[in-house]
Amino acid sequence: MPRADHPAPCLRRQPRTRKVWPRFVLLAGLGAGTLALTALHGFAQTHALMINASPSLPHWAIWLDKDAKPARGTIVLFAPPPSKLLTAHFGERPQPFGKRVLGMPGDVVTRQGRIFAINGKVMATAKPRSRKGEVLALGPTGTIPDNCYYVGATHPDSFDSRYAAIGWICQDRILGVGRPIL
């Protein structure tokens, strides 16, 4: 029982650093392991660890395999095409994007209003404007060309193939296939 001349100690919340340390240690370990493999085997020529800062994918650490081929449902990491809209949101040199492959070469993408479907299955609804208020032009429809993919995510703010600024993602933009780590 606290005495009248000594008030009860203030109960402060502990800083949120507790959850950061395990991630930091894990990333440091992964980074050290990657450096060791690179030094010994040239492993970084075909693999890399990518950190995802976007909420459009639920994974914050992704292992990039540069030799793997995209398949339906896999995550691809790609260099986004140049666009004024992308520059306005992500800067002059945006980081690689990571999205799931929803449509493969030869699949047919259709649109009714702002709703996109692949081979008749509804995949996404495009927003009319970005979070900053810019008009968002709708992405391509028709048969997905050879060596190109329709990419997307379930997050409503995902910036993906439903918008013209991204469109089809073709092989020359793909950095590799990502495998979620965390």
Protein backbone atom coordinates (compact mmCIF):
# COMPACT_ATOMS: atom_id res chain seq x y z
CA MET A 1 0.00 0.00 0.00
CA PRO A 2 1.59 3.35 -0.99
CA ARG A 3 2.06 5.90 1.71
CA ALA A 4 0.38 9.28 1.43
CA ASP A 5 3.72 11.07 1.06
CA HIS A 6 4.82 8.62 -1.67
CA PRO A 7 2.33 8.34 -4.53
CA ALA A 8 1.98 5.03 -6.35
CA PRO A 9 4.55 4.62 -9.12
CA CYS A 10 3.28 5.55 -12.55
CA LEU A 11 2.57 2.50 -14.65
CA ARG A 12 4.13 3.25 -18.02
CA ARG A 13 3.74 1.21 -21.14
CA GLN A 14 6.89 -0.52 -22.19
CA PRO A 15 8.31 0.67 -25.52
CA ARG A 16 7.39 -1.45 -28.52
CA THR A 17 11.01 -2.46 -29.12
CA ARG A 18 10.38 -5.97 -27.83
CA LYS A 19 8.79 -7.13 -31.09
CA VAL A 20 11.34 -5.36 -33.27
CA TRP A 21 14.36 -7.20 -31.84
CA PRO A 22 13.37 -10.69 -33.03
CA ARG A 23 12.84 -9.34 -36.56
CA PHE A 24 16.11 -7.43 -36.43
CA VAL A 25 17.99 -10.52 -35.26
CA LEU A 26 16.30 -12.65 -37.90
CA LEU A 27 17.10 -10.16 -40.68
CA ALA A 28 20.68 -9.79 -39.46
CA GLY A 29 21.05 -13.57 -39.50
CA LEU A 30 19.51 -13.86 -42.95
CA GLY A 31 21.71 -11.04 -44.20
CA ALA A 32 24.85 -12.64 -42.77
CA GLY A 33 23.85 -15.99 -44.25
CA THR A 34 23.24 -14.39 -47.65
CA LEU A 35 26.64 -12.67 -47.54
CA ALA A 36 28.35 -15.94 -46.60
CA LEU A 37 26.63 -17.83 -49.42
CA THR A 38 27.47 -15.03 -51.84
CA ALA A 39 31.12 -15.09 -50.87
CA LEU A 40 31.34 -18.86 -51.09
CA HIS A 41 29.10 -19.70 -54.03
CA GLY A 42 28.02 -16.58 -55.89
CA PHE A 43 24.49 -17.32 -54.60
CA ALA A 44 23.29 -13.67 -54.91
CA GLN A 45 23.41 -13.95 -58.68
CA THR A 46 20.27 -16.10 -58.49
CA HIS A 47 18.76 -15.29 -55.05
CA ALA A 48 18.15 -12.27 -52.83
CA LEU A 49 16.22 -11.26 -49.73
CA MET A 50 13.63 -8.54 -50.38
CA ILE A 51 11.85 -6.50 -47.72
CA ASN A 52 8.24 -5.58 -48.51
CA ALA A 53 7.04 -2.25 -47.09
CA SER A 54 3.68 -2.29 -48.90
CA PRO A 55 0.46 -3.43 -47.23
CA SER A 56 -0.75 -4.98 -50.50
CA LEU A 57 1.01 -8.26 -49.67
CA PRO A 58 0.83 -9.76 -46.16
CA HIS A 59 4.50 -10.83 -46.16
CA TRP A 60 7.27 -8.45 -45.06
CA ALA A 61 10.21 -10.65 -46.04
CA ILE A 62 10.37 -12.35 -49.44
CA TRP A 63 13.09 -14.62 -50.82
CA LEU A 64 13.67 -13.78 -54.49
CA ASP A 65 14.57 -16.61 -56.85
CA LYS A 66 15.77 -15.03 -60.09
CA ASP A 67 15.76 -18.35 -61.98
CA ALA A 68 12.22 -19.50 -61.12
CA LYS A 69 9.46 -19.12 -63.70
CA PRO A 70 6.24 -17.29 -62.78
CA ALA A 71 3.17 -19.49 -62.34
CA ARG A 72 -0.41 -18.69 -61.42
CA GLY A 73 -0.59 -17.74 -57.74
CA THR A 74 3.14 -17.15 -57.26
CA ILE A 75 4.53 -13.79 -56.20
CA VAL A 76 6.61 -11.99 -58.81
CA LEU A 77 8.87 -9.09 -58.05
CA PHE A 78 9.20 -6.63 -60.90
CA ALA A 79 10.49 -3.22 -61.86
CA PRO A 80 7.42 -1.02 -62.34
CA PRO A 81 7.07 0.67 -65.71
CA PRO A 82 7.98 4.37 -65.84
CA SER A 83 4.97 6.64 -65.31
CA LYS A 84 4.22 10.10 -63.94
CA LEU A 85 1.70 8.60 -61.54
CA LEU A 86 4.25 6.14 -60.14
CA THR A 87 6.85 8.89 -59.81
CA ALA A 88 4.35 11.09 -57.92
CA HIS A 89 3.65 8.31 -55.42
CA PHE A 90 6.93 6.39 -55.18
CA GLY A 91 9.67 8.81 -56.30
CA GLU A 92 12.01 8.85 -59.29
CA ARG A 93 13.36 5.35 -58.64
CA PRO A 94 10.60 3.22 -57.11
CA GLN A 95 11.56 0.01 -55.35
CA PRO A 96 10.54 -3.28 -56.97
CA PHE A 97 6.88 -4.20 -56.69
CA GLY A 98 5.69 -7.60 -55.51
CA LYS A 99 2.32 -8.97 -56.69
CA ARG A 100 0.68 -12.34 -57.25
CA VAL A 101 0.35 -13.72 -60.77
CA LEU A 102 -3.40 -13.79 -61.43
CA GLY A 103 -3.36 -14.17 -65.21
CA MET A 104 -1.03 -16.13 -67.47
CA PRO A 105 -0.19 -15.73 -71.18
CA GLY A 106 -3.24 -16.71 -73.24
CA ASP A 107 -5.78 -15.95 -70.47
CA VAL A 108 -8.52 -13.48 -71.37
CA VAL A 109 -9.01 -10.35 -69.25
CA THR A 110 -12.41 -8.65 -69.46
CA ARG A 111 -13.88 -5.63 -67.75
CA GLN A 112 -17.41 -4.51 -66.95
CA GLY A 113 -17.34 -1.00 -65.57
CA ARG A 114 -14.45 -1.08 -63.11
CA ILE A 115 -14.64 -4.83 -62.37
CA PHE A 116 -11.91 -6.99 -63.94
CA ALA A 117 -12.25 -10.72 -64.62
CA ILE A 118 -9.80 -13.32 -65.91
CA ASN A 119 -11.32 -16.17 -67.92
CA GLY A 120 -14.72 -15.14 -66.51
CA LYS A 121 -13.63 -15.16 -62.84
CA VAL A 122 -13.85 -11.76 -61.10
CA MET A 123 -10.42 -10.72 -59.82
CA ALA A 124 -10.49 -7.07 -58.82
CA THR A 125 -12.35 -3.77 -58.82
CA ALA A 126 -10.44 -0.66 -59.87
CA LYS A 127 -10.78 2.55 -57.92
CA PRO A 128 -11.55 5.75 -59.85
CA ARG A 129 -8.88 7.80 -58.00
CA SER A 130 -5.68 7.24 -56.07
CA ARG A 131 -5.34 8.06 -52.38
CA LYS A 132 -3.88 11.41 -53.49
CA GLY A 133 -6.87 12.10 -55.75
CA GLU A 134 -5.32 11.44 -59.19
CA VAL A 135 -7.55 9.84 -61.81
CA LEU A 136 -6.59 6.18 -62.32
CA ALA A 137 -6.79 5.02 -65.94
CA LEU A 138 -8.00 1.46 -66.35
CA GLY A 139 -5.59 -1.31 -67.32
CA PRO A 140 -5.57 -3.47 -70.44
CA THR A 141 -8.12 -6.09 -71.43
CA GLY A 142 -8.02 -8.87 -73.99
CA THR A 143 -5.73 -11.87 -74.35
CA ILE A 144 -2.62 -11.65 -72.20
CA PRO A 145 0.38 -11.66 -74.60
CA ASP A 146 3.14 -14.27 -74.57
CA ASN A 147 5.73 -13.69 -71.80
CA CYS A 148 3.38 -11.26 -69.99
CA TYR A 149 1.24 -11.59 -66.86
CA TYR A 150 -1.69 -9.94 -65.12
CA VAL A 151 -0.57 -9.27 -61.53
CA GLY A 152 -2.51 -8.15 -58.50
CA ALA A 153 -3.32 -8.42 -54.83
CA THR A 154 -6.49 -8.60 -52.76
CA HIS A 155 -5.76 -5.33 -50.96
CA PRO A 156 -8.17 -2.62 -52.26
CA ASP A 157 -5.32 -0.09 -52.63
CA SER A 158 -3.02 -2.46 -54.50
CA PHE A 159 -1.48 -0.70 -57.49
CA ASP A 160 -1.45 -3.49 -60.04
CA SER A 161 -2.51 -4.63 -63.54
CA ARG A 162 -6.02 -3.24 -63.15
CA TYR A 163 -4.46 0.19 -63.76
CA ALA A 164 -2.88 1.41 -67.00
CA ALA A 165 0.23 2.69 -65.18
CA ILE A 166 1.12 -0.96 -64.41
CA GLY A 167 -0.70 -2.96 -67.11
CA TRP A 168 0.66 -6.33 -68.21
CA ILE A 169 3.95 -7.20 -66.56
CA CYS A 170 6.19 -8.75 -69.19
CA GLN A 171 9.27 -10.92 -68.72
CA ASP A 172 11.74 -8.06 -69.28
CA ARG A 173 10.44 -6.33 -66.11
CA ILE A 174 10.35 -9.43 -63.89
CA LEU A 175 13.19 -9.72 -61.40
CA GLY A 176 12.16 -13.18 -60.22
CA VAL A 177 9.67 -15.22 -58.24
CA GLY A 178 9.27 -14.46 -54.56
CA ARG A 179 8.75 -17.00 -51.79
CA PRO A 180 7.31 -15.54 -48.57
CA ILE A 181 9.53 -15.95 -45.52
CA LEU A 182 7.58 -13.91 -42.94
